[in-house]
Amino acid sequence: MGQGGIACPRPTPRRILKARRKRQAAKVVKSVRARCVARDGYCRIDAASGGPKGDSAAFDVGPCSGPSEWAHLSEQKRAKTRGQAPEVRHTTAGSLMACKTHHDRYDGRQRPRLGIEATILGADGPLEFIDHAKAHRRIP
């Protein structure tokens, strides 16, 4: 019993709160990822080497391989947006679809590293790819 004979309800258990947040985030993730797939197809980076996306890559980005993955761009990377609302963390401007090979090159798990620079529109606009093998040289 609380003060003055009034009952104090117990707080909601953490596992229930986490499950509730996870279900809410899943709706946003599913929606944003579907829009990225519709915009980019299997791999946005491969489309840059000759596709109709309006991106620029003056060097060979290499062949695609592996399953299509959802990649987050620079300031929207998942490690930098932890604790934020799902609507802020996951946006079409901050993410794109890439095959496993290109996603690994972008995240630095494979060499040579691939850089992606976006305009103010993010991934919703044209992208510029940077060849980190030639670190000092930007590819327009």
C-alpha atoms as a PDB file:
ATOM      1  CA  MET A   1       0.000   0.000   0.000  1.00  0.00           C
ATOM      2  CA  GLY A   2       1.153   3.477  -0.802  1.00  0.00           C
ATOM      3  CA  GLN A   3       0.705   6.628   1.193  1.00  0.00           C
ATOM      4  CA  GLY A   4      -2.686   7.168   2.743  1.00  0.00           C
ATOM      5  CA  GLY A   5      -3.989   3.709   1.868  1.00  0.00           C
ATOM      6  CA  ILE A   6      -3.781   4.257  -1.926  1.00  0.00           C
ATOM      7  CA  ALA A   7      -2.384   1.355  -3.918  1.00  0.00           C
ATOM      8  CA  CYS A   8       0.792   1.961  -5.987  1.00  0.00           C
ATOM      9  CA  PRO A   9       0.693   0.050  -9.247  1.00  0.00           C
ATOM     10  CA  ARG A  10       3.809  -1.881 -10.193  1.00  0.00           C
ATOM     11  CA  PRO A  11       5.805  -0.529 -13.119  1.00  0.00           C
ATOM     12  CA  THR A  12       5.498  -2.269 -16.466  1.00  0.00           C
ATOM     13  CA  PRO A  13       8.170  -4.989 -16.756  1.00  0.00           C
ATOM     14  CA  ARG A  14      11.153  -4.159 -18.953  1.00  0.00           C
ATOM     15  CA  ARG A  15      10.612  -7.164 -21.235  1.00  0.00           C
ATOM     16  CA  ILE A  16       7.116  -5.909 -22.071  1.00  0.00           C
ATOM     17  CA  LEU A  17       8.359  -2.368 -22.773  1.00  0.00           C
ATOM     18  CA  LYS A  18      11.180  -3.675 -24.997  1.00  0.00           C
ATOM     19  CA  ALA A  19       8.825  -5.950 -26.936  1.00  0.00           C
ATOM     20  CA  ARG A  20       6.415  -3.050 -27.462  1.00  0.00           C
ATOM     21  CA  ARG A  21       9.218  -0.794 -28.799  1.00  0.00           C
ATOM     22  CA  LYS A  22      10.493  -3.588 -31.026  1.00  0.00           C
ATOM     23  CA  ARG A  23       7.034  -4.101 -32.595  1.00  0.00           C
ATOM     24  CA  GLN A  24       6.660  -0.363 -33.224  1.00  0.00           C
ATOM     25  CA  ALA A  25      10.126  -0.143 -34.808  1.00  0.00           C
ATOM     26  CA  ALA A  26       9.438  -3.200 -36.988  1.00  0.00           C
ATOM     27  CA  LYS A  27       6.571  -1.373 -38.705  1.00  0.00           C
ATOM     28  CA  VAL A  28       8.836   1.564 -39.617  1.00  0.00           C
ATOM     29  CA  VAL A  29      11.686  -0.714 -40.731  1.00  0.00           C
ATOM     30  CA  LYS A  30       9.398  -2.783 -42.954  1.00  0.00           C
ATOM     31  CA  SER A  31       7.936   0.308 -44.616  1.00  0.00           C
ATOM     32  CA  VAL A  32      11.244   2.126 -45.210  1.00  0.00           C
ATOM     33  CA  ARG A  33      13.057  -0.974 -46.430  1.00  0.00           C
ATOM     34  CA  ALA A  34      10.263  -1.739 -48.908  1.00  0.00           C
ATOM     35  CA  ARG A  35      10.532   1.800 -50.318  1.00  0.00           C
ATOM     36  CA  CYS A  36      14.333   1.429 -50.608  1.00  0.00           C
ATOM     37  CA  VAL A  37      13.924  -1.870 -52.478  1.00  0.00           C
ATOM     38  CA  ALA A  38      11.425  -0.241 -54.858  1.00  0.00           C
ATOM     39  CA  ARG A  39      13.827   2.669 -55.481  1.00  0.00           C
ATOM     40  CA  ASP A  40      17.163   0.791 -55.653  1.00  0.00           C
ATOM     41  CA  GLY A  41      16.344  -2.749 -56.683  1.00  0.00           C
ATOM     42  CA  TYR A  42      18.932  -5.428 -55.875  1.00  0.00           C
ATOM     43  CA  CYS A  43      21.969  -3.120 -55.559  1.00  0.00           C
ATOM     44  CA  ARG A  44      22.097   0.673 -55.933  1.00  0.00           C
ATOM     45  CA  ILE A  45      25.894   0.656 -56.165  1.00  0.00           C
ATOM     46  CA  ASP A  46      25.919  -1.700 -59.158  1.00  0.00           C
ATOM     47  CA  ALA A  47      23.380   0.560 -60.847  1.00  0.00           C
ATOM     48  CA  ALA A  48      25.953   3.356 -60.508  1.00  0.00           C
ATOM     49  CA  SER A  49      28.355   1.629 -62.837  1.00  0.00           C
ATOM     50  CA  GLY A  50      25.951   1.991 -65.709  1.00  0.00           C
ATOM     51  CA  GLY A  51      22.417   2.023 -64.363  1.00  0.00           C
ATOM     52  CA  PRO A  52      19.721   4.665 -64.726  1.00  0.00           C
ATOM     53  CA  LYS A  53      19.880   5.975 -61.141  1.00  0.00           C
ATOM     54  CA  GLY A  54      21.767   9.188 -61.970  1.00  0.00           C
ATOM     55  CA  ASP A  55      24.715   8.293 -59.723  1.00  0.00           C
ATOM     56  CA  SER A  56      28.319   8.821 -60.724  1.00  0.00           C
ATOM     57  CA  ALA A  57      31.151   6.314 -60.574  1.00  0.00           C
ATOM     58  CA  ALA A  58      34.115   6.775 -62.908  1.00  0.00           C
ATOM     59  CA  PHE A  59      35.734   3.553 -61.707  1.00  0.00           C
ATOM     60  CA  ASP A  60      34.691  -0.082 -61.670  1.00  0.00           C
ATOM     61  CA  VAL A  61      32.844  -0.832 -58.448  1.00  0.00           C
ATOM     62  CA  GLY A  62      33.193  -4.566 -59.074  1.00  0.00           C
ATOM     63  CA  PRO A  63      30.590  -7.225 -59.678  1.00  0.00           C
ATOM     64  CA  CYS A  64      27.670  -7.812 -57.347  1.00  0.00           C
ATOM     65  CA  SER A  65      27.490 -10.963 -55.279  1.00  0.00           C
ATOM     66  CA  GLY A  66      25.575 -12.225 -52.300  1.00  0.00           C
ATOM     67  CA  PRO A  67      22.147 -11.321 -51.004  1.00  0.00           C
ATOM     68  CA  SER A  68      20.747  -7.806 -51.126  1.00  0.00           C
ATOM     69  CA  GLU A  69      21.243  -5.937 -47.829  1.00  0.00           C
ATOM     70  CA  TRP A  70      19.936  -2.719 -46.336  1.00  0.00           C
ATOM     71  CA  ALA A  71      22.837  -0.268 -45.815  1.00  0.00           C
ATOM     72  CA  HIS A  72      22.698   2.943 -43.779  1.00  0.00           C
ATOM     73  CA  LEU A  73      24.634   5.991 -44.960  1.00  0.00           C
ATOM     74  CA  SER A  74      27.236   8.001 -42.966  1.00  0.00           C
ATOM     75  CA  GLU A  75      25.395   9.906 -40.217  1.00  0.00           C
ATOM     76  CA  GLN A  76      22.453   7.505 -40.357  1.00  0.00           C
ATOM     77  CA  LYS A  77      24.537   4.431 -39.528  1.00  0.00           C
ATOM     78  CA  ARG A  78      22.860   2.374 -36.860  1.00  0.00           C
ATOM     79  CA  ALA A  79      25.684   2.839 -34.356  1.00  0.00           C
ATOM     80  CA  LYS A  80      25.295   6.633 -34.535  1.00  0.00           C
ATOM     81  CA  THR A  81      21.501   6.667 -34.152  1.00  0.00           C
ATOM     82  CA  ARG A  82      21.042   4.319 -31.191  1.00  0.00           C
ATOM     83  CA  GLY A  83      18.351   5.413 -28.786  1.00  0.00           C
ATOM     84  CA  GLN A  84      16.566   7.586 -31.346  1.00  0.00           C
ATOM     85  CA  ALA A  85      13.020   7.054 -32.533  1.00  0.00           C
ATOM     86  CA  PRO A  86      12.625   4.553 -35.404  1.00  0.00           C
ATOM     87  CA  GLU A  87      11.264   7.328 -37.649  1.00  0.00           C
ATOM     88  CA  VAL A  88      14.546   9.228 -37.193  1.00  0.00           C
ATOM     89  CA  ARG A  89      16.870   6.208 -37.413  1.00  0.00           C
ATOM     90  CA  HIS A  90      15.398   4.662 -40.549  1.00  0.00           C
ATOM     91  CA  THR A  91      14.665   6.882 -43.548  1.00  0.00           C
ATOM     92  CA  THR A  92      14.878   6.425 -47.303  1.00  0.00           C
ATOM     93  CA  ALA A  93      17.271   9.389 -47.458  1.00  0.00           C
ATOM     94  CA  GLY A  94      19.632   7.712 -45.001  1.00  0.00           C
ATOM     95  CA  SER A  95      19.676   4.206 -46.428  1.00  0.00           C
ATOM     96  CA  LEU A  96      20.016   2.219 -49.632  1.00  0.00           C
ATOM     97  CA  MET A  97      20.025  -1.355 -50.875  1.00  0.00           C
ATOM     98  CA  ALA A  98      23.376  -2.956 -51.727  1.00  0.00           C
ATOM     99  CA  CYS A  99      24.581  -6.468 -52.443  1.00  0.00           C
ATOM    100  CA  LYS A 100      26.693  -8.122 -49.721  1.00  0.00           C
ATOM    101  CA  THR A 101      29.993  -7.394 -51.515  1.00  0.00           C
ATOM    102  CA  HIS A 102      29.335  -3.670 -52.018  1.00  0.00           C
ATOM    103  CA  HIS A 103      27.879  -3.297 -48.512  1.00  0.00           C
ATOM    104  CA  ASP A 104      31.012  -4.921 -47.041  1.00  0.00           C
ATOM    105  CA  ARG A 105      33.239  -2.599 -49.095  1.00  0.00           C
ATOM    106  CA  TYR A 106      31.269   0.437 -47.925  1.00  0.00           C
ATOM    107  CA  ASP A 107      31.441  -0.604 -44.255  1.00  0.00           C
ATOM    108  CA  GLY A 108      35.149  -1.457 -44.523  1.00  0.00           C
ATOM    109  CA  ARG A 109      34.891  -5.222 -44.067  1.00  0.00           C
ATOM    110  CA  GLN A 110      36.415  -5.754 -47.550  1.00  0.00           C
ATOM    111  CA  ARG A 111      39.121  -3.926 -49.460  1.00  0.00           C
ATOM    112  CA  PRO A 112      39.373  -1.702 -51.413  1.00  0.00           C
ATOM    113  CA  ARG A 113      37.029   0.449 -49.389  1.00  0.00           C
ATOM    114  CA  LEU A 114      34.192   2.221 -51.180  1.00  0.00           C
ATOM    115  CA  GLY A 115      33.012   5.671 -50.114  1.00  0.00           C
ATOM    116  CA  ILE A 116      29.558   7.077 -50.760  1.00  0.00           C
ATOM    117  CA  GLU A 117      28.821  10.776 -50.642  1.00  0.00           C
ATOM    118  CA  ALA A 118      25.293  12.100 -50.899  1.00  0.00           C
ATOM    119  CA  THR A 119      23.786  15.500 -51.622  1.00  0.00           C
ATOM    120  CA  ILE A 120      21.378  17.227 -49.260  1.00  0.00           C
ATOM    121  CA  LEU A 121      18.705  14.760 -50.441  1.00  0.00           C
ATOM    122  CA  GLY A 122      20.706  11.806 -49.144  1.00  0.00           C
ATOM    123  CA  ALA A 123      20.102   8.506 -50.903  1.00  0.00           C
ATOM    124  CA  ASP A 124      16.890   9.935 -52.384  1.00  0.00           C
ATOM    125  CA  GLY A 125      19.077  12.042 -54.686  1.00  0.00           C
ATOM    126  CA  PRO A 126      22.156  11.268 -56.780  1.00  0.00           C
ATOM    127  CA  LEU A 127      25.134   9.675 -55.036  1.00  0.00           C
ATOM    128  CA  GLU A 128      28.864  10.102 -55.632  1.00  0.00           C
ATOM    129  CA  PHE A 129      31.171   7.138 -55.099  1.00  0.00           C
ATOM    130  CA  ILE A 130      34.725   7.605 -53.835  1.00  0.00           C
ATOM    131  CA  ASP A 131      37.471   5.103 -54.545  1.00  0.00           C
ATOM    132  CA  HIS A 132      39.446   4.780 -51.290  1.00  0.00           C
ATOM    133  CA  ALA A 133      42.155   2.780 -53.110  1.00  0.00           C
ATOM    134  CA  LYS A 134      43.076   6.161 -54.591  1.00  0.00           C
ATOM    135  CA  ALA A 135      42.478   7.966 -51.314  1.00  0.00           C
ATOM    136  CA  HIS A 136      43.547  11.424 -52.381  1.00  0.00           C
ATOM    137  CA  ARG A 137      41.454  11.397 -55.576  1.00  0.00           C
ATOM    138  CA  ARG A 138      37.712  11.988 -55.693  1.00  0.00           C
ATOM    139  CA  ILE A 139      35.774  10.424 -58.514  1.00  0.00           C
ATOM    140  CA  PRO A 140      33.143  12.910 -59.785  1.00  0.00           C
END
